[in-house]
Amino acid sequence: MREKFLSFSTVGVPLDRVNVDTDAIIPARYLKTIKRTGLGEGLFFAWRYDMDGKERPDFPLNRPEYRGGEVLVAGENFGCGSSREHAVWALMDFGFRAVIAPSFSDIFHNNCMKNGMLPVTLSAAEVRSMIDALLAAPGGKVRVDLEGQTVTGPNGDIHAFGVASFAKTCLLEGLDEIALTLTSAAEIDRYERERKKATPWLFLDLPG
């Protein structure tokens, strides 16, 4: 089980770039670990830090007005490039719960859903309007309502978005694929017992 995805309102963080690939999201040197924690420090590393390792003050994630924001609003084709799941882990470890963009890489989109992050696809015009508003008035709030499938921008504009019913249920209930399977544990146990009675030869321990 993981945390249920509930409606929330948060500071929106604008990333006014298109074709943000997974290598930009998390550099390859961070892929040595299979832990999902600690990756936030490497998020957008080349854009967040200069050659001396100091934060670039003009990058949105480093600006105090956007700190603590849990929704990233970016340009089209977000998450393109390699299929590294670490890209989603890094975004979540940093604190993001949703990414809004006009389009996503299919693999990145699926990785979001499998890990409990919501990828919201809106039209290019809607995203452009939201990014412009967040840049013009840093600290503006964005509300995400998964159950109602709407996003409310900093100007109060309400945008509807689509999401597959299965993925929506898993997010709302806080279920990953393993947890979802375990909700049927009683039925699985019953099936195994009945199979052992009906076909005991399938369950014999044969010499190695």
Protein backbone atom coordinates (compact mmCIF):
# COMPACT_ATOMS: atom_id res chain seq x y z
CA MET A 1 0.00 0.00 0.00
CA ARG A 2 1.12 3.55 -0.64
CA GLU A 3 -0.36 6.91 0.23
CA LYS A 4 -3.77 7.55 -1.34
CA PHE A 5 -3.82 10.31 -3.93
CA LEU A 6 -6.14 12.96 -2.51
CA SER A 7 -7.10 16.35 -3.90
CA PHE A 8 -4.63 19.07 -2.96
CA SER A 9 -3.72 22.68 -3.57
CA THR A 10 -0.08 23.71 -3.84
CA VAL A 11 2.34 26.19 -5.35
CA GLY A 12 2.77 25.51 -9.05
CA VAL A 13 6.33 25.29 -10.36
CA PRO A 14 6.74 26.37 -14.02
CA LEU A 15 9.37 24.68 -16.17
CA ASP A 16 9.09 26.52 -19.47
CA ARG A 17 10.92 23.95 -21.58
CA VAL A 18 9.88 21.37 -24.16
CA ASN A 19 11.33 17.89 -24.78
CA VAL A 20 12.61 17.54 -21.21
CA ASP A 21 14.26 14.13 -21.38
CA THR A 22 14.91 11.69 -18.57
CA ASP A 23 18.66 12.34 -18.62
CA ALA A 24 17.93 15.99 -17.83
CA ILE A 25 15.50 14.92 -15.11
CA ILE A 26 18.04 12.61 -13.44
CA PRO A 27 21.60 12.08 -14.78
CA ALA A 28 22.76 8.54 -15.54
CA ARG A 29 25.26 8.51 -12.66
CA TYR A 30 22.33 8.33 -10.25
CA LEU A 31 21.06 5.09 -11.77
CA LYS A 32 23.43 2.91 -9.75
CA THR A 33 20.94 2.70 -6.90
CA ILE A 34 17.62 0.89 -6.79
CA LYS A 35 16.51 2.93 -3.76
CA ARG A 36 13.78 5.46 -4.37
CA THR A 37 15.09 7.91 -1.80
CA GLY A 38 17.92 10.40 -2.08
CA LEU A 39 17.40 11.00 -5.80
CA GLY A 40 15.81 14.41 -5.30
CA GLU A 41 19.24 15.98 -4.91
CA GLY A 42 20.08 15.02 -8.49
CA LEU A 43 16.81 16.25 -10.01
CA PHE A 44 17.54 18.54 -12.99
CA PHE A 45 21.14 18.57 -11.77
CA ALA A 46 22.72 20.29 -14.79
CA TRP A 47 20.08 23.02 -14.72
CA ARG A 48 19.92 23.52 -10.95
CA TYR A 49 23.65 23.83 -10.25
CA ASP A 50 26.61 25.60 -11.80
CA MET A 51 30.08 24.12 -12.37
CA ASP A 52 30.98 24.79 -8.72
CA GLY A 53 27.93 22.94 -7.44
CA LYS A 54 26.14 26.14 -6.39
CA GLU A 55 22.45 26.63 -7.07
CA ARG A 56 21.59 28.72 -10.12
CA PRO A 57 19.32 31.41 -8.64
CA ASP A 58 17.24 31.80 -11.82
CA PHE A 59 16.21 28.14 -12.06
CA PRO A 60 12.60 27.70 -10.84
CA LEU A 61 13.35 24.93 -8.32
CA ASN A 62 15.90 27.21 -6.65
CA ARG A 63 13.68 30.28 -6.35
CA PRO A 64 12.14 30.74 -2.90
CA GLU A 65 8.72 31.59 -4.37
CA TYR A 66 8.43 28.09 -5.83
CA ARG A 67 9.95 26.08 -3.00
CA GLY A 68 7.70 23.39 -1.65
CA GLY A 69 5.57 23.28 -4.80
CA GLU A 70 4.16 19.83 -5.50
CA VAL A 71 3.00 20.36 -9.09
CA LEU A 72 5.40 20.84 -12.00
CA VAL A 73 4.00 22.53 -15.12
CA ALA A 74 6.13 21.89 -18.19
CA GLY A 75 6.19 21.91 -21.98
CA GLU A 76 5.29 19.20 -24.45
CA ASN A 77 6.95 15.77 -24.73
CA PHE A 78 7.94 15.69 -21.06
CA GLY A 79 9.87 12.60 -19.97
CA CYS A 80 11.17 11.64 -23.40
CA GLY A 81 14.46 9.76 -23.82
CA SER A 82 15.35 6.60 -21.93
CA SER A 83 12.88 4.54 -19.94
CA ARG A 84 14.61 5.06 -16.58
CA GLU A 85 12.10 4.78 -13.73
CA HIS A 86 14.52 6.82 -11.63
CA ALA A 87 13.19 9.95 -13.36
CA VAL A 88 9.84 9.51 -11.64
CA TRP A 89 11.50 8.53 -8.36
CA ALA A 90 13.61 11.71 -8.43
CA LEU A 91 10.59 13.94 -9.03
CA MET A 92 8.68 12.27 -6.21
CA ASP A 93 11.64 12.32 -3.83
CA PHE A 94 11.94 16.06 -4.41
CA GLY A 95 8.29 16.44 -3.46
CA PHE A 96 6.34 16.54 -6.71
CA ARG A 97 3.04 14.67 -6.80
CA ALA A 98 1.87 15.64 -10.27
CA VAL A 99 3.26 16.90 -13.57
CA ILE A 100 1.14 18.90 -15.99
CA ALA A 101 2.16 19.04 -19.65
CA PRO A 102 0.63 18.98 -23.16
CA SER A 103 2.16 15.54 -23.80
CA PHE A 104 4.34 12.88 -22.20
CA SER A 105 6.55 10.03 -23.29
CA ASP A 106 4.45 6.84 -23.09
CA ILE A 107 6.96 5.04 -20.88
CA PHE A 108 7.35 8.00 -18.53
CA HIS A 109 3.56 8.34 -18.33
CA ASN A 110 3.22 4.66 -17.39
CA ASN A 111 6.05 4.90 -14.85
CA CYS A 112 4.24 7.80 -13.19
CA MET A 113 1.08 5.78 -12.80
CA LYS A 114 2.91 2.73 -11.45
CA ASN A 115 4.64 4.83 -8.79
CA GLY A 116 1.75 6.98 -7.60
CA MET A 117 2.51 10.19 -9.47
CA LEU A 118 -0.21 11.81 -11.58
CA PRO A 119 0.66 12.93 -15.14
CA VAL A 120 -1.97 15.45 -16.27
CA THR A 121 -2.31 16.09 -19.99
CA LEU A 122 -3.86 19.43 -20.94
CA SER A 123 -3.93 21.29 -24.23
CA ALA A 124 -0.89 23.33 -25.23
CA ALA A 125 -2.91 26.54 -24.85
CA GLU A 126 -4.05 25.62 -21.33
CA VAL A 127 -0.52 24.75 -20.24
CA ARG A 128 0.88 27.91 -21.83
CA SER A 129 -1.65 29.99 -19.94
CA MET A 130 -0.78 28.29 -16.67
CA ILE A 131 2.98 28.66 -17.13
CA ASP A 132 2.59 32.34 -18.04
CA ALA A 133 0.49 32.95 -14.93
CA LEU A 134 2.99 31.19 -12.66
CA LEU A 135 5.91 33.11 -14.16
CA ALA A 136 4.06 36.43 -13.86
CA ALA A 137 3.04 35.82 -10.25
CA PRO A 138 5.45 33.35 -8.62
CA GLY A 139 3.87 31.46 -5.75
CA GLY A 140 0.51 31.04 -7.48
CA LYS A 141 -1.51 28.01 -6.43
CA VAL A 142 -2.64 25.06 -8.52
CA ARG A 143 -5.35 22.69 -7.32
CA VAL A 144 -5.45 19.07 -8.51
CA ASP A 145 -8.66 17.09 -8.07
CA LEU A 146 -8.15 13.55 -9.31
CA GLU A 147 -11.60 12.33 -8.34
CA GLY A 148 -13.26 15.16 -10.27
CA GLN A 149 -10.51 15.04 -12.92
CA THR A 150 -9.93 18.79 -12.91
CA VAL A 151 -7.03 21.17 -12.44
CA THR A 152 -7.62 24.72 -11.24
CA GLY A 153 -4.93 27.13 -12.37
CA PRO A 154 -3.59 30.17 -10.49
CA ASN A 155 -6.07 32.42 -12.32
CA GLY A 156 -9.01 30.29 -11.20
CA ASP A 157 -9.48 28.66 -14.60
CA ILE A 158 -10.72 25.07 -14.32
CA HIS A 159 -9.33 22.51 -16.78
CA ALA A 160 -10.71 18.98 -17.19
CA PHE A 161 -8.35 16.11 -17.90
CA GLY A 162 -8.69 12.45 -18.79
CA VAL A 163 -7.31 9.44 -16.93
CA ALA A 164 -7.80 5.71 -17.39
CA SER A 165 -10.31 4.34 -14.89
CA PHE A 166 -8.01 1.54 -13.69
CA ALA A 167 -5.09 3.91 -13.08
CA LYS A 168 -7.40 6.38 -11.37
CA THR A 169 -8.71 3.73 -8.98
CA CYS A 170 -5.18 2.59 -8.10
CA LEU A 171 -4.10 6.17 -7.35
CA LEU A 172 -7.19 7.00 -5.30
CA GLU A 173 -6.93 3.78 -3.29
CA GLY A 174 -3.15 3.93 -2.89
CA LEU A 175 -2.62 0.60 -4.64
CA ASP A 176 0.32 -0.53 -6.73
CA GLU A 177 0.11 -3.71 -8.81
CA ILE A 178 1.30 -5.95 -5.97
CA ALA A 179 -1.05 -4.42 -3.42
CA LEU A 180 -3.90 -4.70 -5.89
CA THR A 181 -3.17 -8.41 -6.36
CA LEU A 182 -3.07 -8.95 -2.60
CA THR A 183 -6.60 -7.61 -2.25
CA SER A 184 -7.60 -10.96 -3.80
CA ALA A 185 -5.37 -13.01 -1.49
CA ALA A 186 -8.31 -15.05 -0.13
CA GLU A 187 -9.45 -16.01 -3.63
CA ILE A 188 -5.89 -16.89 -4.64
CA ASP A 189 -5.46 -19.15 -1.59
CA ARG A 190 -8.80 -20.84 -2.30
CA TYR A 191 -7.82 -21.47 -5.91
CA GLU A 192 -4.49 -23.01 -4.90
CA ARG A 193 -6.17 -25.32 -2.37
CA GLU A 194 -8.69 -26.50 -4.94
CA ARG A 195 -6.01 -27.04 -7.57
CA LYS A 196 -3.94 -29.13 -5.17
CA LYS A 197 -6.95 -31.36 -4.54
CA ALA A 198 -7.90 -31.66 -8.21
CA THR A 199 -4.37 -32.09 -9.62
CA PRO A 200 -2.07 -33.14 -6.75
CA TRP A 201 0.59 -34.42 -9.16
CA LEU A 202 1.32 -30.83 -10.21
CA PHE A 203 2.45 -29.99 -6.69
CA LEU A 204 4.76 -32.96 -6.04
CA ASP A 205 8.31 -32.17 -4.94
CA LEU A 206 10.47 -33.90 -7.52
CA PRO A 207 14.14 -34.75 -6.89
CA GLY A 208 16.44 -32.00 -8.15
